[in-house]
Amino acid sequence: MTVQLLRRKFTVEQYHKMVESGILTEDDRVQLIRGEIIEMSPIGTKHAACVKCLNKLLSRKLRDRVLVAIQDPVVLNNNSEPQPDVALLKLRDDFYATAHPQPQDIFLLIEVSDSTIVYDREVKIPLYAEANIIEVCLVDINEQIVEVYQQLEFRLSHAK
């Protein structure tokens, strides 16, 4: 006899209600991907340093033209709310206090990856493409390369 396991999928609204009711807390390192609550890997020192460097560089170079968001949620659709390492967002007077950014608010997403490179490449990059994110960069810390994805096209360039 074969038993098929069923998975319970969640919407972004249900996910937020879990936080409001205390099932999940703000300190839980989770994100909603395709309706599933996925635990995020711990952030290592190289990963954290790379994100800090990107934040400093992008904030300085782009100044008041974009909002640089670090490890904040973005709502891609009704069942996905990932937390990319860096997001370049359209400026808004309320700094997104009334709602998390959505695809039309996003100029660029950056994922910094060391231990999750396969997951980021095979799950998150296609998810961002489906949401019509204009551009995504995947920083591979181990190989020291940056993969650039633009409108479903891919090119590889070496990190500097």
Protein backbone atom coordinates (compact mmCIF):
# COMPACT_ATOMS: atom_id res chain seq x y z
CA MET A 1 0.00 0.00 0.00
CA THR A 2 1.32 3.45 -0.96
CA VAL A 3 0.42 6.50 1.06
CA GLN A 4 0.60 9.88 -0.58
CA LEU A 5 1.64 12.69 1.71
CA LEU A 6 -0.28 15.91 1.35
CA ARG A 7 1.31 19.27 1.88
CA ARG A 8 -0.59 22.21 3.28
CA LYS A 9 0.08 25.33 1.20
CA PHE A 10 -0.34 28.81 2.67
CA THR A 11 -1.17 32.21 1.23
CA VAL A 12 0.70 35.38 2.11
CA GLU A 13 -2.33 36.46 4.15
CA GLN A 14 -2.33 33.19 6.16
CA TYR A 15 1.42 33.50 6.64
CA HIS A 16 0.98 37.01 8.10
CA LYS A 17 -1.81 35.76 10.38
CA MET A 18 0.60 33.15 11.77
CA VAL A 19 2.90 35.99 12.80
CA GLU A 20 0.01 38.04 14.26
CA SER A 21 -1.21 35.06 16.30
CA GLY A 22 2.26 34.14 17.58
CA ILE A 23 2.62 30.83 15.68
CA LEU A 24 5.58 32.43 13.94
CA THR A 25 7.55 35.28 15.44
CA GLU A 26 9.51 38.13 13.89
CA ASP A 27 12.65 36.29 15.06
CA ASP A 28 11.87 33.11 13.11
CA ARG A 29 14.16 32.92 10.08
CA VAL A 30 11.55 31.73 7.60
CA GLN A 31 10.15 32.83 4.27
CA LEU A 32 7.12 31.80 2.24
CA ILE A 33 8.06 30.19 -1.09
CA ARG A 34 5.34 28.78 -3.34
CA GLY A 35 3.02 28.39 -0.37
CA GLU A 36 5.54 26.56 1.81
CA ILE A 37 7.18 27.99 4.90
CA ILE A 38 10.90 27.50 4.34
CA GLU A 39 13.45 27.85 7.12
CA MET A 40 16.35 30.03 6.05
CA SER A 41 19.96 28.98 6.58
CA PRO A 42 21.96 30.72 9.31
CA ILE A 43 23.92 33.69 8.01
CA GLY A 44 27.66 33.07 8.04
CA THR A 45 30.29 35.76 8.44
CA LYS A 46 31.28 35.88 4.73
CA HIS A 47 27.63 36.13 3.72
CA ALA A 48 26.96 38.91 6.24
CA ALA A 49 30.09 40.78 5.18
CA CYS A 50 29.13 40.58 1.50
CA VAL A 51 25.63 41.94 2.24
CA LYS A 52 27.10 44.79 4.30
CA CYS A 53 29.54 45.62 1.49
CA LEU A 54 26.73 45.62 -1.10
CA ASN A 55 24.60 47.82 1.15
CA LYS A 56 27.39 50.37 1.59
CA LEU A 57 28.34 50.37 -2.09
CA LEU A 58 24.78 50.61 -3.46
CA SER A 59 23.64 53.17 -0.90
CA ARG A 60 26.61 55.39 -1.69
CA LYS A 61 26.39 55.04 -5.48
CA LEU A 62 22.62 55.35 -5.83
CA ARG A 63 21.98 57.77 -2.96
CA ASP A 64 18.46 59.18 -3.20
CA ARG A 65 17.45 57.47 -6.45
CA VAL A 66 16.40 54.14 -4.91
CA LEU A 67 15.66 52.61 -1.54
CA VAL A 68 18.12 49.86 -0.59
CA ALA A 69 16.36 47.14 1.44
CA ILE A 70 18.40 44.53 3.27
CA GLN A 71 16.90 41.09 3.96
CA ASP A 72 13.35 42.50 3.94
CA PRO A 73 10.30 40.66 2.58
CA VAL A 74 8.95 41.25 -0.92
CA VAL A 75 5.52 39.96 -1.97
CA LEU A 76 5.81 38.30 -5.37
CA ASN A 77 2.30 36.83 -5.56
CA ASN A 78 -0.39 35.34 -3.34
CA ASN A 79 1.82 32.48 -2.11
CA SER A 80 5.42 33.76 -2.12
CA GLU A 81 7.08 36.28 0.16
CA PRO A 82 10.84 35.72 0.02
CA GLN A 83 13.46 37.83 1.77
CA PRO A 84 16.22 38.56 -0.74
CA ASP A 85 19.50 39.74 0.69
CA VAL A 86 19.32 43.07 -1.14
CA ALA A 87 16.48 44.77 -3.00
CA LEU A 88 16.66 48.03 -4.91
CA LEU A 89 13.21 49.57 -4.68
CA LYS A 90 11.33 52.52 -6.07
CA LEU A 91 11.25 55.40 -3.63
CA ARG A 92 8.07 55.81 -1.62
CA ASP A 93 7.28 58.49 0.94
CA ASP A 94 6.07 55.89 3.47
CA PHE A 95 9.14 53.63 3.02
CA TYR A 96 6.70 50.73 2.43
CA ALA A 97 5.11 51.07 5.87
CA THR A 98 1.67 50.16 4.52
CA ALA A 99 2.70 47.12 2.44
CA HIS A 100 5.76 45.13 1.50
CA PRO A 101 7.21 45.86 -1.95
CA GLN A 102 5.72 44.00 -4.91
CA PRO A 103 7.25 43.20 -8.33
CA GLN A 104 6.33 46.59 -9.82
CA ASP A 105 8.29 48.28 -6.99
CA ILE A 106 11.50 46.31 -7.58
CA PHE A 107 14.42 47.39 -9.79
CA LEU A 108 16.86 44.67 -8.73
CA LEU A 109 17.08 41.73 -6.31
CA ILE A 110 20.36 40.29 -5.08
CA GLU A 111 20.79 36.89 -3.47
CA VAL A 112 24.09 36.25 -1.72
CA SER A 113 24.76 32.55 -1.57
CA ASP A 114 27.25 30.14 -0.15
CA SER A 115 25.52 27.02 1.21
CA THR A 116 22.21 27.56 -0.65
CA ILE A 117 23.49 28.14 -4.18
CA VAL A 118 21.55 25.23 -5.73
CA TYR A 119 18.28 26.24 -4.02
CA ASP A 120 18.74 29.87 -5.02
CA ARG A 121 19.49 28.90 -8.64
CA GLU A 122 16.79 26.28 -9.04
CA VAL A 123 13.97 27.71 -6.90
CA LYS A 124 14.37 31.41 -6.15
CA ILE A 125 15.70 32.64 -9.52
CA PRO A 126 12.82 30.97 -11.45
CA LEU A 127 10.37 32.34 -8.86
CA TYR A 128 11.69 35.87 -9.44
CA ALA A 129 11.49 35.35 -13.22
CA GLU A 130 7.85 34.23 -12.96
CA ALA A 131 7.11 37.42 -11.02
CA ASN A 132 8.66 39.47 -13.86
CA ILE A 133 11.44 40.93 -11.73
CA ILE A 134 13.51 43.03 -14.13
CA GLU A 135 16.93 41.94 -12.93
CA VAL A 136 18.35 39.49 -10.37
CA CYS A 137 21.95 38.93 -9.33
CA LEU A 138 23.17 35.79 -7.61
CA VAL A 139 26.44 36.36 -5.78
CA ASP A 140 28.22 33.02 -5.41
CA ILE A 141 30.61 33.58 -2.51
CA ASN A 142 32.34 30.21 -2.93
CA GLU A 143 33.20 30.65 -6.61
CA GLN A 144 33.51 34.45 -6.31
CA ILE A 145 31.28 35.09 -9.31
CA VAL A 146 28.12 37.06 -9.92
CA GLU A 147 25.39 35.55 -12.08
CA VAL A 148 23.19 38.19 -13.69
CA TYR A 149 19.67 37.30 -14.78
CA GLN A 150 17.81 39.83 -16.94
CA GLN A 151 14.31 39.15 -18.24
CA LEU A 152 14.83 35.37 -18.25
CA GLU A 153 18.22 35.65 -19.90
CA PHE A 154 21.45 34.77 -18.17
CA ARG A 155 25.00 35.93 -18.36
CA LEU A 156 27.90 35.18 -16.11
CA SER A 157 30.48 37.73 -15.01
CA HIS A 158 33.32 37.57 -12.54
CA ALA A 159 32.99 39.46 -9.27
CA LYS A 160 35.39 42.33 -8.66
